[in-house]
C-alpha cells in the first residue's frame, strides 16, 4: 500500500508503521492541536494558545510547522497586514479523526473523570 508520504531517510528510526506514526503525531501537543482542529474547529494561532492545556508559543510554532511539512495541515493567510495565517486540516489530517475517536473511547472507558463528549461528536464520518 502506498500512501504518498515520504519521511526523509535520516528521520526514520525504523520501518515500523507504529514508530513512524508516533514520530509524526505521537507527542501530546500535536494530538491536542489536531483535536482542537477536528472537534473544536480552531484555525488560528491564538485559538490554539487558548486551549486549557496551555501550549507554549514556541512549541505551537514548531508543531504547526511540522504538521504542515508532512501535509497534515495547510496554512493560508487570512490577513496581510499584519501577516496572519489560518490552519486547516488536509485530507491526511482529517483521516486522523477515527484514531482520535478511539483515544476518546479508550480514555472514557479506562480513566475515571474524563469528559464524555456528546454522541454526535463520536460518530464516524
PDB file of N, CA and C in Angstrom:
ATOM      1  N   UNK A   1       0.848  -1.183   0.000  1.00  0.00           N
ATOM      2  CA  UNK A   1       0.000   0.000   0.000  1.00  0.00           C
ATOM      3  C   UNK A   1       0.892   1.245   0.000  1.00  0.00           C
ATOM      4  N   UNK A   2       0.617   2.186  -0.868  1.00  0.00           N
ATOM      5  CA  UNK A   2       1.397   3.416  -0.942  1.00  0.00           C
ATOM      6  C   UNK A   2       0.554   4.580  -0.461  1.00  0.00           C
ATOM      7  N   UNK A   3       1.110   5.372   0.422  1.00  0.00           N
ATOM      8  CA  UNK A   3       0.350   6.485   0.980  1.00  0.00           C
ATOM      9  C   UNK A   3       0.806   7.826   0.446  1.00  0.00           C
ATOM     10  N   UNK A   4       1.957   7.889  -0.173  1.00  0.00           N
ATOM     11  CA  UNK A   4       2.432   9.144  -0.730  1.00  0.00           C
ATOM     12  C   UNK A   4       3.304   9.956   0.200  1.00  0.00           C
ATOM     13  N   UNK A   5       3.266   9.701   1.487  1.00  0.00           N
ATOM     14  CA  UNK A   5       4.071  10.463   2.430  1.00  0.00           C
ATOM     15  C   UNK A   5       5.434   9.809   2.549  1.00  0.00           C
ATOM     16  N   UNK A   6       6.460  10.585   2.298  1.00  0.00           N
ATOM     17  CA  UNK A   6       7.831  10.066   2.375  1.00  0.00           C
ATOM     18  C   UNK A   6       8.558  10.793   3.499  1.00  0.00           C
ATOM     19  N   UNK A   7       8.930  10.051   4.505  1.00  0.00           N
ATOM     20  CA  UNK A   7       9.722  10.607   5.593  1.00  0.00           C
ATOM     21  C   UNK A   7      11.182  10.494   5.177  1.00  0.00           C
ATOM     22  N   UNK A   8      11.938  11.590   5.256  1.00  0.00           N
ATOM     23  CA  UNK A   8      13.357  11.525   4.878  1.00  0.00           C
ATOM     24  C   UNK A   8      14.086  10.424   5.637  1.00  0.00           C
ATOM     25  N   UNK A   9      14.968   9.739   4.939  1.00  0.00           N
ATOM     26  CA  UNK A   9      15.671   8.579   5.495  1.00  0.00           C
ATOM     27  C   UNK A   9      16.307   8.875   6.850  1.00  0.00           C
ATOM     28  N   UNK A  10      16.903  10.017   7.023  1.00  0.00           N
ATOM     29  CA  UNK A  10      17.548  10.361   8.285  1.00  0.00           C
ATOM     30  C   UNK A  10      16.584  10.563   9.433  1.00  0.00           C
ATOM     31  N   UNK A  11      15.295  10.712   9.126  1.00  0.00           N
ATOM     32  CA  UNK A  11      14.286  10.933  10.164  1.00  0.00           C
ATOM     33  C   UNK A  11      13.520   9.667  10.525  1.00  0.00           C
ATOM     34  N   UNK A  12      13.735   8.576   9.784  1.00  0.00           N
ATOM     35  CA  UNK A  12      13.052   7.311  10.085  1.00  0.00           C
ATOM     36  C   UNK A  12      13.926   6.454  10.989  1.00  0.00           C
ATOM     37  N   UNK A  13      13.371   6.067  12.137  1.00  0.00           N
ATOM     38  CA  UNK A  13      14.121   5.206  13.053  1.00  0.00           C
ATOM     39  C   UNK A  13      14.039   3.748  12.642  1.00  0.00           C
ATOM     40  N   UNK A  14      12.936   3.380  12.002  1.00  0.00           N
ATOM     41  CA  UNK A  14      12.740   2.006  11.556  1.00  0.00           C
ATOM     42  C   UNK A  14      11.648   2.019  10.498  1.00  0.00           C
ATOM     43  N   UNK A  15      11.299   0.848  10.008  1.00  0.00           N
ATOM     44  CA  UNK A  15      10.214   0.730   9.042  1.00  0.00           C
ATOM     45  C   UNK A  15       8.869   0.451   9.712  1.00  0.00           C
ATOM     46  N   UNK A  16       8.843   0.396  11.015  1.00  0.00           N
ATOM     47  CA  UNK A  16       7.624   0.090  11.754  1.00  0.00           C
ATOM     48  C   UNK A  16       6.591   1.220  11.574  1.00  0.00           C
ATOM     49  N   UNK A  17       5.377   0.885  11.127  1.00  0.00           N
ATOM     50  CA  UNK A  17       4.367   1.920  10.939  1.00  0.00           C
ATOM     51  C   UNK A  17       3.940   2.597  12.247  1.00  0.00           C
ATOM     52  N   UNK A  18       3.975   1.874  13.346  1.00  0.00           N
ATOM     53  CA  UNK A  18       3.624   2.483  14.635  1.00  0.00           C
ATOM     54  C   UNK A  18       4.679   3.503  15.024  1.00  0.00           C
ATOM     55  N   UNK A  19       5.943   3.136  14.915  1.00  0.00           N
ATOM     56  CA  UNK A  19       7.036   4.056  15.231  1.00  0.00           C
ATOM     57  C   UNK A  19       6.943   5.321  14.386  1.00  0.00           C
ATOM     58  N   UNK A  20       6.744   5.155  13.090  1.00  0.00           N
ATOM     59  CA  UNK A  20       6.707   6.314  12.211  1.00  0.00           C
ATOM     60  C   UNK A  20       5.496   7.197  12.450  1.00  0.00           C
ATOM     61  N   UNK A  21       4.351   6.590  12.728  1.00  0.00           N
ATOM     62  CA  UNK A  21       3.161   7.375  13.045  1.00  0.00           C
ATOM     63  C   UNK A  21       3.379   8.152  14.337  1.00  0.00           C
ATOM     64  N   UNK A  22       3.921   7.499  15.354  1.00  0.00           N
ATOM     65  CA  UNK A  22       4.189   8.185  16.614  1.00  0.00           C
ATOM     66  C   UNK A  22       5.221   9.293  16.446  1.00  0.00           C
ATOM     67  N   UNK A  23       6.200   9.077  15.581  1.00  0.00           N
ATOM     68  CA  UNK A  23       7.184  10.128  15.329  1.00  0.00           C
ATOM     69  C   UNK A  23       6.543  11.360  14.688  1.00  0.00           C
ATOM     70  N   UNK A  24       5.498  11.160  13.902  1.00  0.00           N
ATOM     71  CA  UNK A  24       4.818  12.280  13.257  1.00  0.00           C
ATOM     72  C   UNK A  24       3.815  12.967  14.171  1.00  0.00           C
ATOM     73  N   UNK A  25       3.014  12.195  14.877  1.00  0.00           N
ATOM     74  CA  UNK A  25       1.882  12.789  15.610  1.00  0.00           C
ATOM     75  C   UNK A  25       1.786  12.335  17.059  1.00  0.00           C
ATOM     76  N   UNK A  26       2.784  11.606  17.561  1.00  0.00           N
ATOM     77  CA  UNK A  26       2.636  10.926  18.836  1.00  0.00           C
ATOM     78  C   UNK A  26       2.915  11.727  20.084  1.00  0.00           C
ATOM     79  N   UNK A  27       3.322  12.968  19.949  1.00  0.00           N
ATOM     80  CA  UNK A  27       3.540  13.734  21.180  1.00  0.00           C
ATOM     81  C   UNK A  27       2.231  14.390  21.609  1.00  0.00           C
ATOM     82  N   UNK A  28       2.139  14.753  22.859  1.00  0.00           N
ATOM     83  CA  UNK A  28       0.867  15.254  23.387  1.00  0.00           C
ATOM     84  C   UNK A  28       0.426  16.554  22.733  1.00  0.00           C
ATOM     85  N   UNK A  29       1.344  17.415  22.364  1.00  0.00           N
ATOM     86  CA  UNK A  29       0.938  18.711  21.813  1.00  0.00           C
ATOM     87  C   UNK A  29       0.368  18.576  20.417  1.00  0.00           C
ATOM     88  N   UNK A  30       0.959  17.730  19.604  1.00  0.00           N
ATOM     89  CA  UNK A  30       0.466  17.551  18.241  1.00  0.00           C
ATOM     90  C   UNK A  30      -0.961  17.022  18.259  1.00  0.00           C
ATOM     91  N   UNK A  31      -1.226  16.052  19.100  1.00  0.00           N
ATOM     92  CA  UNK A  31      -2.577  15.496  19.173  1.00  0.00           C
ATOM     93  C   UNK A  31      -3.577  16.504  19.724  1.00  0.00           C
ATOM     94  N   UNK A  32      -3.138  17.391  20.613  1.00  0.00           N
ATOM     95  CA  UNK A  32      -4.028  18.436  21.132  1.00  0.00           C
ATOM     96  C   UNK A  32      -4.392  19.404  20.007  1.00  0.00           C
ATOM     97  N   UNK A  33      -3.423  19.775  19.194  1.00  0.00           N
ATOM     98  CA  UNK A  33      -3.679  20.675  18.057  1.00  0.00           C
ATOM     99  C   UNK A  33      -4.662  20.021  17.093  1.00  0.00           C
ATOM    100  N   UNK A  34      -4.426  18.772  16.767  1.00  0.00           N
ATOM    101  CA  UNK A  34      -5.318  18.057  15.850  1.00  0.00           C
ATOM    102  C   UNK A  34      -6.710  17.915  16.467  1.00  0.00           C
ATOM    103  N   UNK A  35      -6.774  17.616  17.748  1.00  0.00           N
ATOM    104  CA  UNK A  35      -8.065  17.553  18.453  1.00  0.00           C
ATOM    105  C   UNK A  35      -8.808  18.875  18.318  1.00  0.00           C
ATOM    106  N   UNK A  36      -8.096  19.970  18.588  1.00  0.00           N
ATOM    107  CA  UNK A  36      -8.720  21.292  18.520  1.00  0.00           C
ATOM    108  C   UNK A  36      -9.241  21.603  17.120  1.00  0.00           C
ATOM    109  N   UNK A  37      -8.512  21.158  16.115  1.00  0.00           N
ATOM    110  CA  UNK A  37      -8.955  21.405  14.737  1.00  0.00           C
ATOM    111  C   UNK A  37     -10.140  20.514  14.371  1.00  0.00           C
ATOM    112  N   UNK A  38     -10.088  19.242  14.734  1.00  0.00           N
ATOM    113  CA  UNK A  38     -11.137  18.292  14.374  1.00  0.00           C
ATOM    114  C   UNK A  38     -12.445  18.527  15.115  1.00  0.00           C
ATOM    115  N   UNK A  39     -12.356  18.751  16.407  1.00  0.00           N
ATOM    116  CA  UNK A  39     -13.553  18.750  17.228  1.00  0.00           C
ATOM    117  C   UNK A  39     -13.985  20.131  17.720  1.00  0.00           C
ATOM    118  N   UNK A  40     -13.064  21.082  17.749  1.00  0.00           N
ATOM    119  CA  UNK A  40     -13.392  22.413  18.270  1.00  0.00           C
ATOM    120  C   UNK A  40     -13.299  23.498  17.200  1.00  0.00           C
ATOM    121  N   UNK A  41     -13.007  23.092  15.971  1.00  0.00           N
ATOM    122  CA  UNK A  41     -12.956  23.992  14.819  1.00  0.00           C
ATOM    123  C   UNK A  41     -11.997  25.171  14.984  1.00  0.00           C
ATOM    124  N   UNK A  42     -10.928  24.951  15.700  1.00  0.00           N
ATOM    125  CA  UNK A  42      -9.920  26.005  15.856  1.00  0.00           C
ATOM    126  C   UNK A  42      -9.077  26.068  14.592  1.00  0.00           C
ATOM    127  N   UNK A  43      -8.710  27.317  14.211  1.00  0.00           N
ATOM    128  CA  UNK A  43      -7.937  27.534  12.998  1.00  0.00           C
ATOM    129  C   UNK A  43      -6.798  28.528  13.190  1.00  0.00           C
ATOM    130  N   UNK A  44      -6.906  29.366  14.188  1.00  0.00           N
ATOM    131  CA  UNK A  44      -5.966  30.464  14.357  1.00  0.00           C
ATOM    132  C   UNK A  44      -4.972  30.186  15.479  1.00  0.00           C
ATOM    133  N   UNK A  45      -3.766  30.714  15.319  1.00  0.00           N
ATOM    134  CA  UNK A  45      -2.695  30.525  16.286  1.00  0.00           C
ATOM    135  C   UNK A  45      -3.171  30.848  17.705  1.00  0.00           C
ATOM    136  N   UNK A  46      -3.808  31.995  17.874  1.00  0.00           N
ATOM    137  CA  UNK A  46      -4.262  32.407  19.211  1.00  0.00           C
ATOM    138  C   UNK A  46      -5.363  31.499  19.755  1.00  0.00           C
ATOM    139  N   UNK A  47      -6.143  30.897  18.873  1.00  0.00           N
ATOM    140  CA  UNK A  47      -7.158  29.948  19.337  1.00  0.00           C
ATOM    141  C   UNK A  47      -6.492  28.714  19.943  1.00  0.00           C
ATOM    142  N   UNK A  48      -5.406  28.247  19.309  1.00  0.00           N
ATOM    143  CA  UNK A  48      -4.680  27.100  19.865  1.00  0.00           C
ATOM    144  C   UNK A  48      -4.056  27.463  21.206  1.00  0.00           C
ATOM    145  N   UNK A  49      -3.540  28.679  21.311  1.00  0.00           N
ATOM    146  CA  UNK A  49      -2.947  29.126  22.581  1.00  0.00           C
ATOM    147  C   UNK A  49      -3.991  29.172  23.698  1.00  0.00           C
ATOM    148  N   UNK A  50      -5.252  29.349  23.339  1.00  0.00           N
ATOM    149  CA  UNK A  50      -6.325  29.432  24.325  1.00  0.00           C
ATOM    150  C   UNK A  50      -6.775  28.096  24.887  1.00  0.00           C
ATOM    151  N   UNK A  51      -6.247  27.002  24.373  1.00  0.00           N
ATOM    152  CA  UNK A  51      -6.641  25.687  24.895  1.00  0.00           C
ATOM    153  C   UNK A  51      -6.226  25.556  26.350  1.00  0.00           C
ATOM    154  N   UNK A  52      -7.012  24.861  27.126  1.00  0.00           N
ATOM    155  CA  UNK A  52      -6.744  24.784  28.569  1.00  0.00           C
ATOM    156  C   UNK A  52      -5.442  24.070  28.914  1.00  0.00           C
ATOM    157  N   UNK A  53      -4.860  23.344  27.961  1.00  0.00           N
ATOM    158  CA  UNK A  53      -3.580  22.662  28.209  1.00  0.00           C
ATOM    159  C   UNK A  53      -2.391  23.627  28.182  1.00  0.00           C
ATOM    160  N   UNK A  54      -2.594  24.835  27.682  1.00  0.00           N
ATOM    161  CA  UNK A  54      -1.612  25.927  27.715  1.00  0.00           C
ATOM    162  C   UNK A  54      -0.287  25.586  27.031  1.00  0.00           C
ATOM    163  N   UNK A  55      -0.357  25.355  25.751  1.00  0.00           N
ATOM    164  CA  UNK A  55       0.841  25.106  24.958  1.00  0.00           C
ATOM    165  C   UNK A  55       1.655  26.398  24.843  1.00  0.00           C
ATOM    166  N   UNK A  56       2.956  26.280  24.929  1.00  0.00           N
ATOM    167  CA  UNK A  56       3.848  27.441  24.782  1.00  0.00           C
ATOM    168  C   UNK A  56       3.920  27.838  23.306  1.00  0.00           C
ATOM    169  N   UNK A  57       4.134  29.114  23.043  1.00  0.00           N
ATOM    170  CA  UNK A  57       4.144  29.609  21.668  1.00  0.00           C
ATOM    171  C   UNK A  57       5.232  28.950  20.820  1.00  0.00           C
ATOM    172  N   UNK A  58       6.414  28.743  21.388  1.00  0.00           N
ATOM    173  CA  UNK A  58       7.491  28.126  20.591  1.00  0.00           C
ATOM    174  C   UNK A  58       7.167  26.680  20.234  1.00  0.00           C
ATOM    175  N   UNK A  59       6.536  25.963  21.136  1.00  0.00           N
ATOM    176  CA  UNK A  59       6.150  24.579  20.854  1.00  0.00           C
ATOM    177  C   UNK A  59       5.030  24.555  19.815  1.00  0.00           C
ATOM    178  N   UNK A  60       4.061  25.444  19.959  1.00  0.00           N
ATOM    179  CA  UNK A  60       2.969  25.519  18.991  1.00  0.00           C
ATOM    180  C   UNK A  60       3.507  25.823  17.593  1.00  0.00           C
ATOM    181  N   UNK A  61       4.409  26.775  17.500  1.00  0.00           N
ATOM    182  CA  UNK A  61       5.008  27.128  16.204  1.00  0.00           C
ATOM    183  C   UNK A  61       5.710  25.928  15.592  1.00  0.00           C
ATOM    184  N   UNK A  62       6.492  25.211  16.394  1.00  0.00           N
ATOM    185  CA  UNK A  62       7.230  24.056  15.885  1.00  0.00           C
ATOM    186  C   UNK A  62       6.282  22.955  15.429  1.00  0.00           C
ATOM    187  N   UNK A  63       5.229  22.690  16.194  1.00  0.00           N
ATOM    188  CA  UNK A  63       4.294  21.620  15.837  1.00  0.00           C
ATOM    189  C   UNK A  63       3.512  21.976  14.573  1.00  0.00           C
ATOM    190  N   UNK A  64       3.070  23.225  14.464  1.00  0.00           N
ATOM    191  CA  UNK A  64       2.353  23.638  13.256  1.00  0.00           C
ATOM    192  C   UNK A  64       3.249  23.519  12.022  1.00  0.00           C
ATOM    193  N   UNK A  65       4.499  23.906  12.160  1.00  0.00           N
ATOM    194  CA  UNK A  65       5.450  23.792  11.053  1.00  0.00           C
ATOM    195  C   UNK A  65       5.633  22.336  10.652  1.00  0.00           C
ATOM    196  N   UNK A  66       5.776  21.469  11.627  1.00  0.00           N
ATOM    197  CA  UNK A  66       5.961  20.037  11.347  1.00  0.00           C
ATOM    198  C   UNK A  66       4.719  19.430  10.700  1.00  0.00           C
ATOM    199  N   UNK A  67       3.544  19.764  11.207  1.00  0.00           N
ATOM    200  CA  UNK A  67       2.307  19.252  10.621  1.00  0.00           C
ATOM    201  C   UNK A  67       2.134  19.716   9.179  1.00  0.00           C
ATOM    202  N   UNK A  68       2.539  20.930   8.913  1.00  0.00           N
ATOM    203  CA  UNK A  68       2.475  21.433   7.533  1.00  0.00           C
ATOM    204  C   UNK A  68       3.497  20.709   6.648  1.00  0.00           C
ATOM    205  N   UNK A  69       4.686  20.520   7.153  1.00  0.00           N
ATOM    206  CA  UNK A  69       5.739  19.834   6.394  1.00  0.00           C
ATOM    207  C   UNK A  69       5.289  18.460   5.923  1.00  0.00           C
ATOM    208  N   UNK A  70       4.534  17.765   6.751  1.00  0.00           N
ATOM    209  CA  UNK A  70       4.100  16.414   6.414  1.00  0.00           C
ATOM    210  C   UNK A  70       2.658  16.359   5.909  1.00  0.00           C
ATOM    211  N   UNK A  71       2.158  17.504   5.432  1.00  0.00           N
ATOM    212  CA  UNK A  71       0.867  17.562   4.751  1.00  0.00           C
ATOM    213  C   UNK A  71      -0.286  17.049   5.612  1.00  0.00           C
ATOM    214  N   UNK A  72      -0.235  17.377   6.896  1.00  0.00           N
ATOM    215  CA  UNK A  72      -1.342  17.048   7.792  1.00  0.00           C
ATOM    216  C   UNK A  72      -2.231  18.278   7.956  1.00  0.00           C
ATOM    217  N   UNK A  73      -1.611  19.449   7.874  1.00  0.00           N
ATOM    218  CA  UNK A  73      -2.345  20.710   7.856  1.00  0.00           C
ATOM    219  C   UNK A  73      -1.798  21.568   6.720  1.00  0.00           C
ATOM    220  N   UNK A  74      -2.553  22.605   6.397  1.00  0.00           N
ATOM    221  CA  UNK A  74      -2.048  23.632   5.491  1.00  0.00           C
ATOM    222  C   UNK A  74      -2.376  24.984   6.099  1.00  0.00           C
ATOM    223  N   UNK A  75      -1.566  25.967   5.741  1.00  0.00           N
ATOM    224  CA  UNK A  75      -1.835  27.300   6.267  1.00  0.00           C
ATOM    225  C   UNK A  75      -2.075  28.251   5.101  1.00  0.00           C
ATOM    226  N   UNK A  76      -2.959  29.202   5.356  1.00  0.00           N
ATOM    227  CA  UNK A  76      -3.303  30.229   4.379  1.00  0.00           C
ATOM    228  C   UNK A  76      -3.375  31.571   5.092  1.00  0.00           C
ATOM    229  N   UNK A  77      -2.877  32.600   4.450  1.00  0.00           N
ATOM    230  CA  UNK A  77      -3.008  33.915   5.084  1.00  0.00           C
ATOM    231  C   UNK A  77      -4.483  34.337   5.125  1.00  0.00           C
ATOM    232  N   UNK A  78      -4.889  34.898   6.238  1.00  0.00           N
ATOM    233  CA  UNK A  78      -6.241  35.441   6.326  1.00  0.00           C
ATOM    234  C   UNK A  78      -6.203  36.949   6.483  1.00  0.00           C
ATOM    235  N   UNK A  79      -5.013  37.497   6.743  1.00  0.00           N
ATOM    236  CA  UNK A  79      -4.809  38.939   6.745  1.00  0.00           C
ATOM    237  C   UNK A  79      -3.369  39.195   6.309  1.00  0.00           C
ATOM    238  N   UNK A  80      -3.173  40.281   5.575  1.00  0.00           N
ATOM    239  CA  UNK A  80      -1.836  40.602   5.056  1.00  0.00           C
ATOM    240  C   UNK A  80      -1.082  41.574   5.957  1.00  0.00           C
ATOM    241  N   UNK A  81      -1.792  42.457   6.615  1.00  0.00           N
ATOM    242  CA  UNK A  81      -1.145  43.448   7.492  1.00  0.00           C
ATOM    243  C   UNK A  81      -1.855  43.476   8.819  1.00  0.00           C
ATOM    244  N   UNK A  82      -1.314  42.919   9.818  1.00  0.00           N
ATOM    245  CA  UNK A  82      -0.110  42.095   9.838  1.00  0.00           C
ATOM    246  C   UNK A  82      -0.396  40.730   9.209  1.00  0.00           C
ATOM    247  N   UNK A  83       0.652  40.087   8.724  1.00  0.00           N
ATOM    248  CA  UNK A  83       0.503  38.775   8.105  1.00  0.00           C
ATOM    249  C   UNK A  83       0.116  37.754   9.171  1.00  0.00           C
ATOM    250  N   UNK A  84      -1.049  37.155   9.003  1.00  0.00           N
ATOM    251  CA  UNK A  84      -1.550  36.137   9.926  1.00  0.00           C
ATOM    252  C   UNK A  84      -2.102  34.979   9.116  1.00  0.00           C
ATOM    253  N   UNK A  85      -1.986  33.792   9.694  1.00  0.00           N
ATOM    254  CA  UNK A  85      -2.401  32.583   8.993  1.00  0.00           C
ATOM    255  C   UNK A  85      -3.529  31.877   9.722  1.00  0.00           C
ATOM    256  N   UNK A  86      -4.315  31.155   8.938  1.00  0.00           N
ATOM    257  CA  UNK A  86      -5.260  30.197   9.497  1.00  0.00           C
ATOM    258  C   UNK A  86      -4.801  28.820   9.045  1.00  0.00           C
ATOM    259  N   UNK A  87      -5.084  27.843   9.869  1.00  0.00           N
ATOM    260  CA  UNK A  87      -4.633  26.477   9.626  1.00  0.00           C
ATOM    261  C   UNK A  87      -5.850  25.585   9.438  1.00  0.00           C
ATOM    262  N   UNK A  88      -5.760  24.719   8.440  1.00  0.00           N
ATOM    263  CA  UNK A  88      -6.834  23.764   8.186  1.00  0.00           C
ATOM    264  C   UNK A  88      -6.230  22.381   7.980  1.00  0.00           C
ATOM    265  N   UNK A  89      -7.011  21.380   8.293  1.00  0.00           N
ATOM    266  CA  UNK A  89      -6.564  20.001   8.098  1.00  0.00           C
ATOM    267  C   UNK A  89      -6.645  19.624   6.626  1.00  0.00           C
ATOM    268  N   UNK A  90      -5.660  18.911   6.163  1.00  0.00           N
ATOM    269  CA  UNK A  90      -5.706  18.313   4.833  1.00  0.00           C
ATOM    270  C   UNK A  90      -6.513  17.022   4.941  1.00  0.00           C
ATOM    271  N   UNK A  91      -6.685  16.338   3.828  1.00  0.00           N
ATOM    272  CA  UNK A  91      -7.365  15.041   3.878  1.00  0.00           C
ATOM    273  C   UNK A  91      -6.608  14.083   4.779  1.00  0.00           C
ATOM    274  N   UNK A  92      -5.281  14.120   4.717  1.00  0.00           N
ATOM    275  CA  UNK A  92      -4.461  13.265   5.583  1.00  0.00           C
ATOM    276  C   UNK A  92      -4.750  13.605   7.053  1.00  0.00           C
ATOM    277  N   UNK A  93      -4.846  14.876   7.366  1.00  0.00           N
ATOM    278  CA  UNK A  93      -5.148  15.291   8.738  1.00  0.00           C
ATOM    279  C   UNK A  93      -6.540  14.881   9.174  1.00  0.00           C
ATOM    280  N   UNK A  94      -7.514  15.059   8.292  1.00  0.00           N
ATOM    281  CA  UNK A  94      -8.892  14.662   8.614  1.00  0.00           C
ATOM    282  C   UNK A  94      -9.007  13.166   8.852  1.00  0.00           C
ATOM    283  N   UNK A  95      -8.146  12.403   8.182  1.00  0.00           N
ATOM    284  CA  UNK A  95      -8.217  10.946   8.340  1.00  0.00           C
ATOM    285  C   UNK A  95      -7.778  10.496   9.738  1.00  0.00           C
ATOM    286  N   UNK A  96      -7.233  11.400  10.540  1.00  0.00           N
ATOM    287  CA  UNK A  96      -6.857  11.076  11.919  1.00  0.00           C
ATOM    288  C   UNK A  96      -8.060  11.053  12.867  1.00  0.00           C
ATOM    289  N   UNK A  97      -9.217  11.467  12.389  1.00  0.00           N
ATOM    290  CA  UNK A  97     -10.423  11.529  13.222  1.00  0.00           C
ATOM    291  C   UNK A  97     -10.711  10.192  13.911  1.00  0.00           C
ATOM    292  N   UNK A  98     -10.687   9.107  13.155  1.00  0.00           N
ATOM    293  CA  UNK A  98     -11.023   7.802  13.747  1.00  0.00           C
ATOM    294  C   UNK A  98     -10.010   7.407  14.822  1.00  0.00           C
ATOM    295  N   UNK A  99      -8.748   7.759  14.625  1.00  0.00           N
ATOM    296  CA  UNK A  99      -7.730   7.479  15.632  1.00  0.00           C
ATOM    297  C   UNK A  99      -8.016   8.249  16.923  1.00  0.00           C
ATOM    298  N   UNK A 100      -8.346   9.530  16.795  1.00  0.00           N
ATOM    299  CA  UNK A 100      -8.648  10.321  17.979  1.00  0.00           C
ATOM    300  C   UNK A 100      -9.933   9.863  18.655  1.00  0.00           C
ATOM    301  N   UNK A 101     -10.907   9.446  17.863  1.00  0.00           N
ATOM    302  CA  UNK A 101     -12.139   8.923  18.456  1.00  0.00           C
ATOM    303  C   UNK A 101     -11.867   7.667  19.274  1.00  0.00           C
ATOM    304  N   UNK A 102     -10.971   6.831  18.804  1.00  0.00           N
ATOM    305  CA  UNK A 102     -10.609   5.632  19.565  1.00  0.00           C
ATOM    306  C   UNK A 102      -9.907   6.010  20.866  1.00  0.00           C
ATOM    307  N   UNK A 103      -9.085   7.056  20.844  1.00  0.00           N
ATOM    308  CA  UNK A 103      -8.445   7.528  22.082  1.00  0.00           C
ATOM    309  C   UNK A 103      -9.487   8.050  23.066  1.00  0.00           C
ATOM    310  N   UNK A 104     -10.499   8.764  22.547  1.00  0.00           N
ATOM    311  CA  UNK A 104     -11.587   9.254  23.401  1.00  0.00           C
ATOM    312  C   UNK A 104     -12.306   8.070  24.049  1.00  0.00           C
ATOM    313  N   UNK A 105     -12.670   7.097  23.233  1.00  0.00           N
ATOM    314  CA  UNK A 105     -13.399   5.934  23.755  1.00  0.00           C
ATOM    315  C   UNK A 105     -12.571   5.179  24.792  1.00  0.00           C
ATOM    316  N   UNK A 106     -11.298   4.995  24.506  1.00  0.00           N
ATOM    317  CA  UNK A 106     -10.430   4.291  25.445  1.00  0.00           C
ATOM    318  C   UNK A 106     -10.323   5.073  26.749  1.00  0.00           C
ATOM    319  N   UNK A 107     -10.107   6.377  26.648  1.00  0.00           N
ATOM    320  CA  UNK A 107      -9.999   7.204  27.848  1.00  0.00           C
ATOM    321  C   UNK A 107     -11.271   7.198  28.673  1.00  0.00           C
ATOM    322  N   UNK A 108     -12.416   7.304  28.006  1.00  0.00           N
ATOM    323  CA  UNK A 108     -13.689   7.268  28.725  1.00  0.00           C
ATOM    324  C   UNK A 108     -13.902   5.943  29.429  1.00  0.00           C
ATOM    325  N   UNK A 109     -13.471   4.864  28.822  1.00  0.00           N
ATOM    326  CA  UNK A 109     -13.664   3.535  29.403  1.00  0.00           C
ATOM    327  C   UNK A 109     -12.681   3.259  30.538  1.00  0.00           C
ATOM    328  N   UNK A 110     -11.471   3.804  30.454  1.00  0.00           N
ATOM    329  CA  UNK A 110     -10.401   3.391  31.358  1.00  0.00           C
ATOM    330  C   UNK A 110      -9.895   4.449  32.331  1.00  0.00           C
ATOM    331  N   UNK A 111     -10.296   5.698  32.157  1.00  0.00           N
ATOM    332  CA  UNK A 111      -9.794   6.764  33.039  1.00  0.00           C
ATOM    333  C   UNK A 111     -10.991   7.489  33.656  1.00  0.00           C
ATOM    334  N   UNK A 112     -11.160   7.305  34.955  1.00  0.00           N
ATOM    335  CA  UNK A 112     -12.274   7.936  35.654  1.00  0.00           C
ATOM    336  C   UNK A 112     -12.167   9.454  35.565  1.00  0.00           C
ATOM    337  N   UNK A 113     -13.334  10.096  35.395  1.00  0.00           N
ATOM    338  CA  UNK A 113     -13.398  11.547  35.415  1.00  0.00           C
ATOM    339  C   UNK A 113     -13.118  12.217  34.078  1.00  0.00           C
ATOM    340  N   UNK A 114     -12.941  11.435  33.001  1.00  0.00           N
ATOM    341  CA  UNK A 114     -12.711  12.068  31.701  1.00  0.00           C
ATOM    342  C   UNK A 114     -14.032  12.538  31.103  1.00  0.00           C
ATOM    343  N   UNK A 115     -13.950  13.604  30.339  1.00  0.00           N
ATOM    344  CA  UNK A 115     -15.106  14.206  29.679  1.00  0.00           C
ATOM    345  C   UNK A 115     -15.692  13.241  28.657  1.00  0.00           C
ATOM    346  N   UNK A 116     -16.989  13.010  28.753  1.00  0.00           N
ATOM    347  CA  UNK A 116     -17.673  12.166  27.777  1.00  0.00           C
ATOM    348  C   UNK A 116     -18.345  13.103  26.773  1.00  0.00           C
ATOM    349  N   UNK A 117     -17.841  13.110  25.530  1.00  0.00           N
ATOM    350  CA  UNK A 117     -18.402  14.024  24.538  1.00  0.00           C
ATOM    351  C   UNK A 117     -19.808  13.618  24.105  1.00  0.00           C
ATOM    352  N   UNK A 118     -20.541  14.563  23.524  1.00  0.00           N
ATOM    353  CA  UNK A 118     -21.873  14.230  23.011  1.00  0.00           C
ATOM    354  C   UNK A 118     -21.784  13.123  21.957  1.00  0.00           C
ATOM    355  N   UNK A 119     -22.827  12.316  21.883  1.00  0.00           N
ATOM    356  CA  UNK A 119     -22.848  11.171  20.965  1.00  0.00           C
ATOM    357  C   UNK A 119     -22.564  11.589  19.511  1.00  0.00           C
ATOM    358  N   UNK A 120     -23.092  12.757  19.081  1.00  0.00           N
ATOM    359  CA  UNK A 120     -22.884  13.165  17.687  1.00  0.00           C
ATOM    360  C   UNK A 120     -21.418  13.429  17.371  1.00  0.00           C
ATOM    361  N   UNK A 121     -20.638  13.788  18.373  1.00  0.00           N
ATOM    362  CA  UNK A 121     -19.211  14.009  18.160  1.00  0.00           C
ATOM    363  C   UNK A 121     -18.484  12.686  17.932  1.00  0.00           C
ATOM    364  N   UNK A 122     -18.986  11.617  18.532  1.00  0.00           N
ATOM    365  CA  UNK A 122     -18.340  10.323  18.432  1.00  0.00           C
ATOM    366  C   UNK A 122     -18.684   9.544  17.170  1.00  0.00           C
ATOM    367  N   UNK A 123     -19.549  10.110  16.330  1.00  0.00           N
ATOM    368  CA  UNK A 123     -19.919   9.429  15.089  1.00  0.00           C
ATOM    369  C   UNK A 123     -18.728   9.366  14.153  1.00  0.00           C
ATOM    370  N   UNK A 124     -18.586   8.230  13.508  1.00  0.00           N
ATOM    371  CA  UNK A 124     -17.573   8.076  12.455  1.00  0.00           C
ATOM    372  C   UNK A 124     -18.118   8.748  11.204  1.00  0.00           C
ATOM    373  N   UNK A 125     -17.230   9.375  10.466  1.00  0.00           N
ATOM    374  CA  UNK A 125     -17.667  10.007   9.200  1.00  0.00           C
ATOM    375  C   UNK A 125     -17.714   9.028   8.076  1.00  0.00           C
TER     376      UNK A 125
END
